[in-house]
Amino acid sequence: MTELTKKRPEFRNINAFKDLTTYRLPPAGWVSILHRASGGLMFILLPLIVWLFDTSVSSEISFERFSAAFSAGLGFVPGWFFKLVVLALIWAYLHHLIAGVRHLYMDARHAVTKEFGKSSAIFTLVVSIGLTVLLGAKLFGLY
């Protein structure tokens, strides 16, 4: 009787130094990790977001200072660095928004299949990166 039973699969913990370089994370896993990372990035940069908003709407003089921070820089920080940080914020917001809508849709429609998870994850990645590139081109003055 023991000859007829199938051997059970053997599970093991992954070795961080050996297995992580060969492990292929599915698109849904990437979206999940990036959703957390984008939320953390927005939380960490919240003081900058508040400063950007406050400076841009306080007065005409403060708006000029706000604009100068992106072109000439502010203190020892060059203007291109401000633009890169804002570009990271743009990506974080777009990715977090689109991934959040994806999760809400999957929860509301009970659409938790492997195929839909993969296709919606790829859609999330493509749209968030595409919109970030488009808005980044505007931010850096390409159009």
C-alpha atoms as a PDB file:
ATOM      1  CA  MET A   1       0.000   0.000   0.000  1.00  0.00           C
ATOM      2  CA  THR A   2       2.849   2.430   0.703  1.00  0.00           C
ATOM      3  CA  GLU A   3       4.140   2.019  -2.858  1.00  0.00           C
ATOM      4  CA  LEU A   4       0.881   3.393  -4.299  1.00  0.00           C
ATOM      5  CA  THR A   5       0.802   6.611  -2.280  1.00  0.00           C
ATOM      6  CA  LYS A   6       2.229   9.725  -3.864  1.00  0.00           C
ATOM      7  CA  LYS A   7       5.170  11.413  -2.318  1.00  0.00           C
ATOM      8  CA  ARG A   8       4.123  14.672  -0.694  1.00  0.00           C
ATOM      9  CA  PRO A   9       5.834  17.831  -1.930  1.00  0.00           C
ATOM     10  CA  GLU A  10       8.664  19.068   0.215  1.00  0.00           C
ATOM     11  CA  PHE A  11       8.624  22.711   1.237  1.00  0.00           C
ATOM     12  CA  ARG A  12      11.625  24.578   2.530  1.00  0.00           C
ATOM     13  CA  ASN A  13      12.492  28.095   3.537  1.00  0.00           C
ATOM     14  CA  ILE A  14      14.280  30.176   0.946  1.00  0.00           C
ATOM     15  CA  ASN A  15      17.894  31.143   1.413  1.00  0.00           C
ATOM     16  CA  ALA A  16      18.117  34.927   1.053  1.00  0.00           C
ATOM     17  CA  PHE A  17      21.614  34.839  -0.429  1.00  0.00           C
ATOM     18  CA  LYS A  18      21.138  31.966  -2.881  1.00  0.00           C
ATOM     19  CA  ASP A  19      17.441  31.791  -3.799  1.00  0.00           C
ATOM     20  CA  LEU A  20      16.373  35.445  -4.028  1.00  0.00           C
ATOM     21  CA  THR A  21      18.423  36.029  -7.174  1.00  0.00           C
ATOM     22  CA  THR A  22      16.627  33.222  -9.000  1.00  0.00           C
ATOM     23  CA  TYR A  23      13.121  33.676  -7.542  1.00  0.00           C
ATOM     24  CA  ARG A  24      10.604  35.089 -10.024  1.00  0.00           C
ATOM     25  CA  LEU A  25       7.940  37.158  -8.329  1.00  0.00           C
ATOM     26  CA  PRO A  26       4.634  37.290 -10.249  1.00  0.00           C
ATOM     27  CA  PRO A  27       3.285  40.695 -11.372  1.00  0.00           C
ATOM     28  CA  ALA A  28       0.680  40.691  -8.593  1.00  0.00           C
ATOM     29  CA  GLY A  29       3.490  40.320  -6.067  1.00  0.00           C
ATOM     30  CA  TRP A  30       5.349  43.283  -7.559  1.00  0.00           C
ATOM     31  CA  VAL A  31       2.195  45.406  -7.424  1.00  0.00           C
ATOM     32  CA  SER A  32       1.622  44.420  -3.806  1.00  0.00           C
ATOM     33  CA  ILE A  33       5.167  45.299  -2.755  1.00  0.00           C
ATOM     34  CA  LEU A  34       5.141  48.552  -4.739  1.00  0.00           C
ATOM     35  CA  HIS A  35       1.732  49.462  -3.254  1.00  0.00           C
ATOM     36  CA  ARG A  36       3.258  49.288   0.209  1.00  0.00           C
ATOM     37  CA  ALA A  37       6.413  51.111  -0.884  1.00  0.00           C
ATOM     38  CA  SER A  38       4.442  53.915  -2.540  1.00  0.00           C
ATOM     39  CA  GLY A  39       2.298  54.371   0.567  1.00  0.00           C
ATOM     40  CA  GLY A  40       5.403  54.514   2.739  1.00  0.00           C
ATOM     41  CA  LEU A  41       7.080  56.994   0.400  1.00  0.00           C
ATOM     42  CA  MET A  42       4.055  59.284   0.457  1.00  0.00           C
ATOM     43  CA  PHE A  43       3.940  59.093   4.252  1.00  0.00           C
ATOM     44  CA  ILE A  44       7.637  59.890   4.640  1.00  0.00           C
ATOM     45  CA  LEU A  45       7.441  62.801   2.193  1.00  0.00           C
ATOM     46  CA  LEU A  46       4.244  64.221   3.711  1.00  0.00           C
ATOM     47  CA  PRO A  47       6.063  67.258   5.191  1.00  0.00           C
ATOM     48  CA  LEU A  48       7.380  68.077   1.706  1.00  0.00           C
ATOM     49  CA  ILE A  49       3.886  67.740   0.247  1.00  0.00           C
ATOM     50  CA  VAL A  50       2.480  70.110   2.867  1.00  0.00           C
ATOM     51  CA  TRP A  51       5.308  72.602   2.203  1.00  0.00           C
ATOM     52  CA  LEU A  52       4.746  72.386  -1.562  1.00  0.00           C
ATOM     53  CA  PHE A  53       1.041  73.052  -1.177  1.00  0.00           C
ATOM     54  CA  ASP A  54       1.440  75.818   1.385  1.00  0.00           C
ATOM     55  CA  THR A  55       4.126  77.596  -0.617  1.00  0.00           C
ATOM     56  CA  SER A  56       2.220  77.376  -3.867  1.00  0.00           C
ATOM     57  CA  VAL A  57      -1.047  78.884  -2.553  1.00  0.00           C
ATOM     58  CA  SER A  58       0.047  81.364   0.131  1.00  0.00           C
ATOM     59  CA  SER A  59       0.872  84.385  -2.031  1.00  0.00           C
ATOM     60  CA  GLU A  60       2.394  85.426  -5.318  1.00  0.00           C
ATOM     61  CA  ILE A  61       5.786  85.939  -3.689  1.00  0.00           C
ATOM     62  CA  SER A  62       5.773  82.478  -2.132  1.00  0.00           C
ATOM     63  CA  PHE A  63       4.670  80.986  -5.455  1.00  0.00           C
ATOM     64  CA  GLU A  64       7.696  82.628  -7.091  1.00  0.00           C
ATOM     65  CA  ARG A  65       9.913  81.057  -4.415  1.00  0.00           C
ATOM     66  CA  PHE A  66       8.169  77.751  -5.074  1.00  0.00           C
ATOM     67  CA  SER A  67       8.843  78.032  -8.811  1.00  0.00           C
ATOM     68  CA  ALA A  68      12.456  79.051  -8.208  1.00  0.00           C
ATOM     69  CA  ALA A  69      13.038  75.921  -6.111  1.00  0.00           C
ATOM     70  CA  PHE A  70      12.350  73.825  -9.207  1.00  0.00           C
ATOM     71  CA  SER A  71      14.477  75.873 -11.582  1.00  0.00           C
ATOM     72  CA  ALA A  72      17.395  77.272  -9.554  1.00  0.00           C
ATOM     73  CA  GLY A  73      17.188  75.128  -6.447  1.00  0.00           C
ATOM     74  CA  LEU A  74      16.809  76.014  -2.802  1.00  0.00           C
ATOM     75  CA  GLY A  75      19.878  76.434  -0.608  1.00  0.00           C
ATOM     76  CA  PHE A  76      22.374  73.711  -1.427  1.00  0.00           C
ATOM     77  CA  VAL A  77      19.760  71.460  -3.091  1.00  0.00           C
ATOM     78  CA  PRO A  78      19.699  71.801  -6.903  1.00  0.00           C
ATOM     79  CA  GLY A  79      16.438  72.215  -8.821  1.00  0.00           C
ATOM     80  CA  TRP A  80      16.742  68.912 -10.684  1.00  0.00           C
ATOM     81  CA  PHE A  81      16.784  67.093  -7.330  1.00  0.00           C
ATOM     82  CA  PHE A  82      13.477  68.714  -6.365  1.00  0.00           C
ATOM     83  CA  LYS A  83      12.080  67.574  -9.697  1.00  0.00           C
ATOM     84  CA  LEU A  84      13.240  63.987  -9.098  1.00  0.00           C
ATOM     85  CA  VAL A  85      11.664  63.931  -5.645  1.00  0.00           C
ATOM     86  CA  VAL A  86       8.394  65.288  -7.040  1.00  0.00           C
ATOM     87  CA  LEU A  87       8.572  62.713  -9.851  1.00  0.00           C
ATOM     88  CA  ALA A  88       8.914  59.982  -7.214  1.00  0.00           C
ATOM     89  CA  LEU A  89       5.868  61.440  -5.451  1.00  0.00           C
ATOM     90  CA  ILE A  90       3.937  61.479  -8.731  1.00  0.00           C
ATOM     91  CA  TRP A  91       4.755  57.814  -9.288  1.00  0.00           C
ATOM     92  CA  ALA A  92       3.907  56.912  -5.679  1.00  0.00           C
ATOM     93  CA  TYR A  93       0.541  58.659  -5.856  1.00  0.00           C
ATOM     94  CA  LEU A  94      -0.408  57.203  -9.246  1.00  0.00           C
ATOM     95  CA  HIS A  95       0.696  53.677  -8.393  1.00  0.00           C
ATOM     96  CA  HIS A  96      -0.962  53.743  -4.975  1.00  0.00           C
ATOM     97  CA  LEU A  97      -4.199  55.079  -6.463  1.00  0.00           C
ATOM     98  CA  ILE A  98      -4.378  52.602  -9.334  1.00  0.00           C
ATOM     99  CA  ALA A  99      -3.354  49.630  -7.181  1.00  0.00           C
ATOM    100  CA  GLY A 100      -5.909  50.673  -4.559  1.00  0.00           C
ATOM    101  CA  VAL A 101      -8.684  50.840  -7.158  1.00  0.00           C
ATOM    102  CA  ARG A 102      -7.550  47.412  -8.392  1.00  0.00           C
ATOM    103  CA  HIS A 103      -7.880  45.992  -4.874  1.00  0.00           C
ATOM    104  CA  LEU A 104     -11.260  47.620  -4.335  1.00  0.00           C
ATOM    105  CA  TYR A 105     -12.526  46.241  -7.656  1.00  0.00           C
ATOM    106  CA  MET A 106     -11.270  42.753  -6.813  1.00  0.00           C
ATOM    107  CA  ASP A 107     -12.929  42.937  -3.387  1.00  0.00           C
ATOM    108  CA  ALA A 108     -16.242  44.255  -4.720  1.00  0.00           C
ATOM    109  CA  ARG A 109     -16.494  41.871  -7.678  1.00  0.00           C
ATOM    110  CA  HIS A 110     -14.880  38.885  -5.954  1.00  0.00           C
ATOM    111  CA  ALA A 111     -12.614  38.642  -9.003  1.00  0.00           C
ATOM    112  CA  VAL A 112      -9.806  36.769  -7.347  1.00  0.00           C
ATOM    113  CA  THR A 113      -8.530  34.495 -10.056  1.00  0.00           C
ATOM    114  CA  LYS A 114      -4.950  33.963 -11.074  1.00  0.00           C
ATOM    115  CA  GLU A 115      -5.593  35.221 -14.601  1.00  0.00           C
ATOM    116  CA  PHE A 116      -7.358  38.407 -13.516  1.00  0.00           C
ATOM    117  CA  GLY A 117      -4.749  39.051 -10.845  1.00  0.00           C
ATOM    118  CA  LYS A 118      -1.966  38.841 -13.411  1.00  0.00           C
ATOM    119  CA  SER A 119      -3.707  40.939 -16.069  1.00  0.00           C
ATOM    120  CA  SER A 120      -4.827  43.633 -13.624  1.00  0.00           C
ATOM    121  CA  ALA A 121      -1.350  43.765 -12.081  1.00  0.00           C
ATOM    122  CA  ILE A 122       0.243  44.269 -15.500  1.00  0.00           C
ATOM    123  CA  PHE A 123      -2.370  46.941 -16.276  1.00  0.00           C
ATOM    124  CA  THR A 124      -1.561  48.685 -12.978  1.00  0.00           C
ATOM    125  CA  LEU A 125       2.181  48.660 -13.655  1.00  0.00           C
ATOM    126  CA  VAL A 126       1.860  49.839 -17.266  1.00  0.00           C
ATOM    127  CA  VAL A 127      -0.634  52.638 -16.543  1.00  0.00           C
ATOM    128  CA  SER A 128       1.167  53.961 -13.463  1.00  0.00           C
ATOM    129  CA  ILE A 129       4.566  53.971 -15.172  1.00  0.00           C
ATOM    130  CA  GLY A 130       3.121  55.380 -18.404  1.00  0.00           C
ATOM    131  CA  LEU A 131       1.368  58.248 -16.634  1.00  0.00           C
ATOM    132  CA  THR A 132       4.502  58.909 -14.574  1.00  0.00           C
ATOM    133  CA  VAL A 133       6.604  59.162 -17.729  1.00  0.00           C
ATOM    134  CA  LEU A 134       4.032  61.484 -19.300  1.00  0.00           C
ATOM    135  CA  LEU A 135       3.839  63.772 -16.259  1.00  0.00           C
ATOM    136  CA  GLY A 136       7.610  63.562 -15.765  1.00  0.00           C
ATOM    137  CA  ALA A 137       8.142  64.815 -19.310  1.00  0.00           C
ATOM    138  CA  LYS A 138       5.902  67.777 -18.466  1.00  0.00           C
ATOM    139  CA  LEU A 139       7.725  68.348 -15.182  1.00  0.00           C
ATOM    140  CA  PHE A 140      11.136  68.426 -16.880  1.00  0.00           C
ATOM    141  CA  GLY A 141       9.861  70.711 -19.630  1.00  0.00           C
ATOM    142  CA  LEU A 142       9.925  68.299 -22.582  1.00  0.00           C
ATOM    143  CA  TYR A 143       6.556  69.590 -23.803  1.00  0.00           C
END
